[in-house]
Amino acid sequence: MTEPKAPEAFDEAAASLRMTPAVLAVPGVTGLSPGLRDLVATAAARVMRREGGEPPSVDVRTTREGVHVRVDAHLDASRSVSGVVDDLFEIIARDLQGADLRSVGDIDIDLRIVSRSS
């Protein structure tokens, strides 16, 4: 008799890498601002005299409650903000559905609109 496999650990970096191009492909999204991880990595690189320069990305991290996704996005005026937000939430939720959410818990999405250009 085989024992059931334990769920694999949730890979935050892989989730961030998967989500970033999908979020940038949403019509109306013109770019991302550096998230907290990007700012910390750049600051650490400066202190350690290394080059930072990591491109801004979707910040995905696990908490005790579940998965927290933070997106700091720049939008254009080609679509309504609510339409862009709906698409972003759908893409993020669809991506996370591939993970074993039972082992991850709740999903918290924090979307911040940094700017909106015309």
Protein backbone atom coordinates (compact mmCIF):
# COMPACT_ATOMS: atom_id res chain seq x y z
CA MET A 1 0.00 0.00 0.00
CA THR A 2 1.40 3.39 -0.96
CA GLU A 3 1.22 6.29 1.40
CA PRO A 4 -0.43 9.51 0.22
CA LYS A 5 1.98 12.15 -1.02
CA ALA A 6 2.29 15.26 1.08
CA PRO A 7 1.38 18.44 -0.77
CA GLU A 8 4.37 20.21 -2.26
CA ALA A 9 5.42 23.49 -0.70
CA PHE A 10 4.03 26.55 -2.43
CA ASP A 11 6.76 28.18 -4.53
CA GLU A 12 6.38 31.96 -4.15
CA ALA A 13 9.11 32.82 -6.67
CA ALA A 14 7.65 30.53 -9.34
CA ALA A 15 4.17 31.97 -8.79
CA SER A 16 5.56 35.50 -9.14
CA LEU A 17 7.39 34.58 -12.35
CA ARG A 18 4.23 33.01 -13.82
CA MET A 19 1.91 35.87 -12.86
CA THR A 20 4.04 38.85 -13.86
CA PRO A 21 3.83 38.45 -17.66
CA ALA A 22 0.14 37.52 -17.42
CA VAL A 23 -0.61 40.67 -15.41
CA LEU A 24 1.40 42.83 -17.83
CA ALA A 25 -0.55 41.34 -20.75
CA VAL A 26 -3.91 42.61 -19.43
CA PRO A 27 -5.15 45.35 -21.75
CA GLY A 28 -4.92 48.66 -19.91
CA VAL A 29 -1.91 47.71 -17.74
CA THR A 30 1.13 49.71 -18.84
CA GLY A 31 3.60 48.57 -16.21
CA LEU A 32 4.31 47.58 -12.64
CA SER A 33 5.94 49.54 -9.85
CA PRO A 34 8.52 47.92 -7.65
CA GLY A 35 6.91 45.87 -4.91
CA LEU A 36 8.29 45.46 -1.42
CA ARG A 37 10.52 42.54 -2.40
CA ASP A 38 11.93 44.51 -5.33
CA LEU A 39 12.69 47.49 -3.06
CA VAL A 40 14.34 45.28 -0.43
CA ALA A 41 16.42 43.44 -3.06
CA THR A 42 17.60 46.73 -4.55
CA ALA A 43 18.46 48.16 -1.12
CA ALA A 44 20.34 44.98 -0.16
CA ALA A 45 22.23 45.07 -3.45
CA ARG A 46 23.32 48.64 -2.78
CA VAL A 47 24.50 47.79 0.73
CA MET A 48 26.40 44.77 -0.57
CA ARG A 49 27.72 46.80 -3.53
CA ARG A 50 26.04 44.58 -6.07
CA GLU A 51 23.84 45.49 -8.97
CA GLY A 52 20.13 45.35 -8.28
CA GLY A 53 18.04 46.03 -11.34
CA GLU A 54 15.46 43.29 -10.88
CA PRO A 55 12.44 44.17 -12.99
CA PRO A 56 9.28 44.99 -11.05
CA SER A 57 7.08 41.97 -10.58
CA VAL A 58 3.96 40.67 -8.91
CA ASP A 59 4.76 40.07 -5.24
CA VAL A 60 3.54 36.65 -4.05
CA ARG A 61 4.14 35.47 -0.51
CA THR A 62 2.67 32.98 1.87
CA THR A 63 1.34 33.92 5.28
CA ARG A 64 -0.18 31.91 8.12
CA GLU A 65 -3.61 32.54 6.62
CA GLY A 66 -2.75 31.70 3.01
CA VAL A 67 -1.32 33.42 -0.05
CA HIS A 68 -0.95 37.19 -0.34
CA VAL A 69 -0.57 38.67 -3.84
CA ARG A 70 0.33 42.33 -4.25
CA VAL A 71 0.27 44.16 -7.58
CA ASP A 72 1.30 47.82 -7.92
CA ALA A 73 0.13 48.64 -11.44
CA HIS A 74 0.21 51.58 -13.82
CA LEU A 75 -2.86 51.77 -16.04
CA ASP A 76 -3.78 53.69 -19.15
CA ALA A 77 -7.19 55.11 -19.99
CA SER A 78 -7.98 52.63 -22.77
CA ARG A 79 -10.40 50.71 -20.53
CA SER A 80 -12.40 51.28 -17.39
CA VAL A 81 -10.52 50.73 -14.16
CA SER A 82 -13.14 48.24 -13.01
CA GLY A 83 -12.69 46.21 -16.22
CA VAL A 84 -8.92 46.06 -15.74
CA VAL A 85 -9.32 45.15 -12.06
CA ASP A 86 -11.78 42.36 -12.88
CA ASP A 87 -9.35 40.92 -15.45
CA LEU A 88 -6.41 41.13 -13.04
CA PHE A 89 -8.32 39.34 -10.27
CA GLU A 90 -9.43 36.65 -12.72
CA ILE A 91 -5.89 36.05 -14.01
CA ILE A 92 -4.42 35.86 -10.51
CA ALA A 93 -7.16 33.51 -9.28
CA ARG A 94 -6.78 31.29 -12.35
CA ASP A 95 -3.02 31.06 -11.81
CA LEU A 96 -3.41 30.12 -8.16
CA GLN A 97 -5.99 27.46 -8.98
CA GLY A 98 -3.10 25.36 -10.26
CA ALA A 99 -1.61 25.32 -6.76
CA ASP A 100 -2.81 22.98 -4.06
CA LEU A 101 -4.76 25.67 -2.22
CA ARG A 102 -5.73 23.31 0.57
CA SER A 103 -2.14 23.47 1.73
CA VAL A 104 -1.95 27.20 1.08
CA GLY A 105 -5.16 28.57 2.62
CA ASP A 106 -6.97 31.78 1.75
CA ILE A 107 -6.03 34.05 -1.17
CA ASP A 108 -5.63 37.76 -0.46
CA ILE A 109 -5.15 40.05 -3.48
CA ASP A 110 -3.91 43.60 -2.86
CA LEU A 111 -4.12 45.65 -6.05
CA ARG A 112 -2.81 49.20 -5.97
CA ILE A 113 -3.19 51.52 -8.91
CA VAL A 114 -0.10 53.68 -8.91
CA SER A 115 -1.02 55.85 -11.88
CA ARG A 116 -3.45 56.18 -14.72
CA SER A 117 -2.34 57.94 -17.87
CA SER A 118 -4.52 59.23 -20.67
